[in-house]
C-alpha atoms as a PDB file:
ATOM      1  CA  UNK A   1      -5.602  -3.049 -24.920  1.00  0.00           C
ATOM      2  CA  UNK A   2      -4.481  -3.488 -28.552  1.00  0.00           C
ATOM      3  CA  UNK A   3      -0.809  -3.971 -29.451  1.00  0.00           C
ATOM      4  CA  UNK A   4       0.883  -0.611 -29.533  1.00  0.00           C
ATOM      5  CA  UNK A   5       3.944   1.208 -28.332  1.00  0.00           C
ATOM      6  CA  UNK A   6       2.050   2.544 -25.321  1.00  0.00           C
ATOM      7  CA  UNK A   7       0.923  -0.984 -24.379  1.00  0.00           C
ATOM      8  CA  UNK A   8       4.538  -2.109 -24.416  1.00  0.00           C
ATOM      9  CA  UNK A   9       5.520   0.837 -22.232  1.00  0.00           C
ATOM     10  CA  UNK A  10       2.785   0.004 -19.717  1.00  0.00           C
ATOM     11  CA  UNK A  11       3.887  -3.639 -19.595  1.00  0.00           C
ATOM     12  CA  UNK A  12       7.524  -2.614 -19.100  1.00  0.00           C
ATOM     13  CA  UNK A  13       6.645  -0.133 -16.353  1.00  0.00           C
ATOM     14  CA  UNK A  14       4.567  -2.675 -14.433  1.00  0.00           C
ATOM     15  CA  UNK A  15       7.187  -5.408 -14.803  1.00  0.00           C
ATOM     16  CA  UNK A  16       9.993  -3.113 -13.649  1.00  0.00           C
ATOM     17  CA  UNK A  17       7.901  -2.121 -10.601  1.00  0.00           C
ATOM     18  CA  UNK A  18       7.336  -5.803  -9.765  1.00  0.00           C
ATOM     19  CA  UNK A  19      11.058  -6.532 -10.183  1.00  0.00           C
ATOM     20  CA  UNK A  20      12.011  -3.545  -8.007  1.00  0.00           C
ATOM     21  CA  UNK A  21       9.599  -4.718  -5.305  1.00  0.00           C
ATOM     22  CA  UNK A  22      10.879  -8.321  -5.511  1.00  0.00           C
ATOM     23  CA  UNK A  23       7.493  -9.570  -6.670  1.00  0.00           C
ATOM     24  CA  UNK A  24       8.248 -11.347  -9.956  1.00  0.00           C
ATOM     25  CA  UNK A  25       6.639 -14.747  -9.427  1.00  0.00           C
ATOM     26  CA  UNK A  26       4.984 -17.344 -11.623  1.00  0.00           C
ATOM     27  CA  UNK A  27       1.866 -15.199 -12.025  1.00  0.00           C
ATOM     28  CA  UNK A  28       3.868 -12.227 -13.337  1.00  0.00           C
ATOM     29  CA  UNK A  29       5.826 -14.459 -15.712  1.00  0.00           C
ATOM     30  CA  UNK A  30       2.616 -16.121 -16.948  1.00  0.00           C
ATOM     31  CA  UNK A  31       0.886 -12.770 -17.516  1.00  0.00           C
ATOM     32  CA  UNK A  32       3.939 -11.359 -19.295  1.00  0.00           C
ATOM     33  CA  UNK A  33       4.022 -14.344 -21.649  1.00  0.00           C
ATOM     34  CA  UNK A  34       0.247 -14.191 -22.244  1.00  0.00           C
ATOM     35  CA  UNK A  35       0.600 -10.597 -23.449  1.00  0.00           C
ATOM     36  CA  UNK A  36       2.184 -12.128 -26.583  1.00  0.00           C
ATOM     37  CA  UNK A  37       4.656  -9.265 -26.884  1.00  0.00           C
ATOM     38  CA  UNK A  38       7.764 -11.242 -27.820  1.00  0.00           C
ATOM     39  CA  UNK A  39      10.122  -8.263 -28.186  1.00  0.00           C
ATOM     40  CA  UNK A  40       9.088  -6.708 -24.851  1.00  0.00           C
ATOM     41  CA  UNK A  41       9.388 -10.093 -23.089  1.00  0.00           C
ATOM     42  CA  UNK A  42      12.876 -10.724 -24.442  1.00  0.00           C
ATOM     43  CA  UNK A  43      13.977  -7.176 -23.609  1.00  0.00           C
ATOM     44  CA  UNK A  44      12.778  -7.471 -19.991  1.00  0.00           C
ATOM     45  CA  UNK A  45      13.783 -11.062 -19.319  1.00  0.00           C
ATOM     46  CA  UNK A  46      16.975 -11.234 -21.356  1.00  0.00           C
ATOM     47  CA  UNK A  47      15.801 -14.656 -22.525  1.00  0.00           C
ATOM     48  CA  UNK A  48      13.981 -16.066 -25.529  1.00  0.00           C
ATOM     49  CA  UNK A  49      10.196 -15.797 -25.481  1.00  0.00           C
ATOM     50  CA  UNK A  50      10.070 -19.439 -26.590  1.00  0.00           C
ATOM     51  CA  UNK A  51      12.309 -20.830 -23.848  1.00  0.00           C
ATOM     52  CA  UNK A  52      11.326 -21.882 -20.341  1.00  0.00           C
ATOM     53  CA  UNK A  53      12.141 -19.556 -17.460  1.00  0.00           C
ATOM     54  CA  UNK A  54      12.455 -20.812 -13.915  1.00  0.00           C
ATOM     55  CA  UNK A  55      12.271 -18.418 -10.967  1.00  0.00           C
ATOM     56  CA  UNK A  56      15.706 -19.687  -9.909  1.00  0.00           C
ATOM     57  CA  UNK A  57      17.092 -18.352 -13.221  1.00  0.00           C
ATOM     58  CA  UNK A  58      16.052 -14.783 -12.358  1.00  0.00           C
ATOM     59  CA  UNK A  59      17.970 -12.328 -10.197  1.00  0.00           C
ATOM     60  CA  UNK A  60      17.163 -13.027  -6.537  1.00  0.00           C
ATOM     61  CA  UNK A  61      16.183  -9.406  -5.936  1.00  0.00           C
ATOM     62  CA  UNK A  62      13.348  -9.805  -8.505  1.00  0.00           C
ATOM     63  CA  UNK A  63      11.787 -12.704  -6.571  1.00  0.00           C
ATOM     64  CA  UNK A  64      12.774 -12.105  -2.930  1.00  0.00           C
ATOM     65  CA  UNK A  65       9.256 -11.178  -1.732  1.00  0.00           C
ATOM     66  CA  UNK A  66       7.293 -13.794  -3.682  1.00  0.00           C
ATOM     67  CA  UNK A  67       5.295 -16.367  -1.752  1.00  0.00           C
ATOM     68  CA  UNK A  68       3.980 -18.982  -4.176  1.00  0.00           C
ATOM     69  CA  UNK A  69       0.902 -21.067  -3.468  1.00  0.00           C
ATOM     70  CA  UNK A  70      -2.029 -20.721  -1.058  1.00  0.00           C
ATOM     71  CA  UNK A  71      -0.471 -22.978   1.559  1.00  0.00           C
ATOM     72  CA  UNK A  72       2.683 -20.856   1.742  1.00  0.00           C
ATOM     73  CA  UNK A  73       0.679 -17.598   1.968  1.00  0.00           C
ATOM     74  CA  UNK A  74      -1.440 -18.964   4.834  1.00  0.00           C
ATOM     75  CA  UNK A  75       1.683 -20.127   6.633  1.00  0.00           C
ATOM     76  CA  UNK A  76       3.275 -16.680   6.344  1.00  0.00           C
ATOM     77  CA  UNK A  77       0.255 -14.836   7.742  1.00  0.00           C
ATOM     78  CA  UNK A  78      -0.015 -17.162  10.781  1.00  0.00           C
ATOM     79  CA  UNK A  79       3.323 -15.968  12.163  1.00  0.00           C
END
């Protein structure tokens, strides 16, 4: 999808849904950065596009349902 206002709106909508569901993990952050939409990134994250963001720096409610890594996912589903 080429850069446009509608692309930015789609990215914002998807990110806000992930944040609401507590699913902002490394994959979401990586995809958001790879979109190369600096203004949208900074608006959503409240941080510079060029700085590093750690999951611990984000609001806990954005990341509360994230399970990072295959080993952790397998462990969760064995319960």
